[in-house]
């Protein structure tokens, strides 16, 4: 079983990858070719399917203080 810190790290990295690869309004465009990255959304969904149940079990402060879920 994954530890909560690892699950938190994976969820954070998955969010960062999605935010960094999509051109969101108001952010600087990185000019990435999304046709070369067809699995980004599936990667995020897979990570969340694994990590979120672990994080939900450990909401009592088991995560590090710098965690966005802490």
Protein backbone atom coordinates (compact mmCIF):
# COMPACT_ATOMS: atom_id res chain seq x y z
CA UNK A 1 0.00 0.00 0.00
CA UNK A 2 1.25 3.47 -0.86
CA UNK A 3 1.96 5.86 1.92
CA UNK A 4 -0.12 9.07 2.05
CA UNK A 5 2.90 11.24 1.27
CA UNK A 6 3.58 9.34 -1.96
CA UNK A 7 -0.09 9.52 -2.97
CA UNK A 8 -0.08 13.26 -2.27
CA UNK A 9 3.07 13.69 -4.35
CA UNK A 10 1.59 11.76 -7.28
CA UNK A 11 -1.65 13.76 -7.20
CA UNK A 12 0.32 17.02 -7.11
CA UNK A 13 2.55 15.99 -10.02
CA UNK A 14 -0.46 14.86 -12.06
CA UNK A 15 -2.14 18.23 -11.51
CA UNK A 16 1.05 20.08 -12.41
CA UNK A 17 1.46 18.12 -15.63
CA UNK A 18 -2.10 18.86 -16.72
CA UNK A 19 -1.80 22.57 -15.86
CA UNK A 20 1.57 22.87 -17.60
CA UNK A 21 0.42 21.20 -20.82
CA UNK A 22 -2.93 22.92 -21.40
CA UNK A 23 -3.11 26.54 -22.47
CA UNK A 24 -5.37 28.04 -19.83
CA UNK A 25 -6.84 31.53 -20.26
CA UNK A 26 -4.72 34.17 -18.57
CA UNK A 27 -1.57 32.02 -18.43
CA UNK A 28 1.47 32.21 -20.69
CA UNK A 29 1.17 29.76 -23.56
CA UNK A 30 3.92 27.16 -23.67
CA UNK A 31 3.11 26.29 -27.28
CA UNK A 32 3.03 22.54 -26.64
CA UNK A 33 1.61 20.21 -29.28
CA UNK A 34 -1.22 18.36 -27.49
CA UNK A 35 -1.53 15.90 -30.38
CA UNK A 36 1.83 14.50 -29.26
CA UNK A 37 0.53 14.04 -25.70
CA UNK A 38 -2.75 12.15 -26.06
CA UNK A 39 -2.52 10.38 -22.69
CA UNK A 40 -2.20 13.33 -20.33
CA UNK A 41 -5.82 13.39 -19.19
CA UNK A 42 -5.89 9.60 -18.82
CA UNK A 43 -2.68 9.75 -16.77
CA UNK A 44 -4.25 12.28 -14.41
CA UNK A 45 -7.44 10.21 -14.12
CA UNK A 46 -5.44 7.04 -13.39
CA UNK A 47 -3.33 8.76 -10.73
CA UNK A 48 -6.39 10.24 -9.05
CA UNK A 49 -8.18 6.86 -9.10
CA UNK A 50 -5.28 5.41 -7.14
CA UNK A 51 -4.19 8.34 -4.97
CA UNK A 52 -7.44 9.99 -3.87
CA UNK A 53 -8.83 6.98 -1.93
CA UNK A 54 -5.52 6.79 -0.04
CA UNK A 55 -5.60 10.52 0.68
CA UNK A 56 -9.23 10.35 1.80
CA UNK A 57 -8.37 7.68 4.39
CA UNK A 58 -5.64 9.88 5.84
CA UNK A 59 -7.27 13.26 6.38
CA UNK A 60 -6.37 13.38 10.08
CA UNK A 61 -3.11 15.25 9.52
CA UNK A 62 -0.93 12.38 8.34
CA UNK A 63 0.16 14.43 5.34
CA UNK A 64 3.11 16.81 5.49
CA UNK A 65 2.25 20.44 6.35
CA UNK A 66 3.31 21.64 2.88
CA UNK A 67 0.74 19.36 1.22
CA UNK A 68 -2.00 21.16 -0.67
CA UNK A 69 -4.47 18.75 1.00
CA UNK A 70 -3.17 19.36 4.54
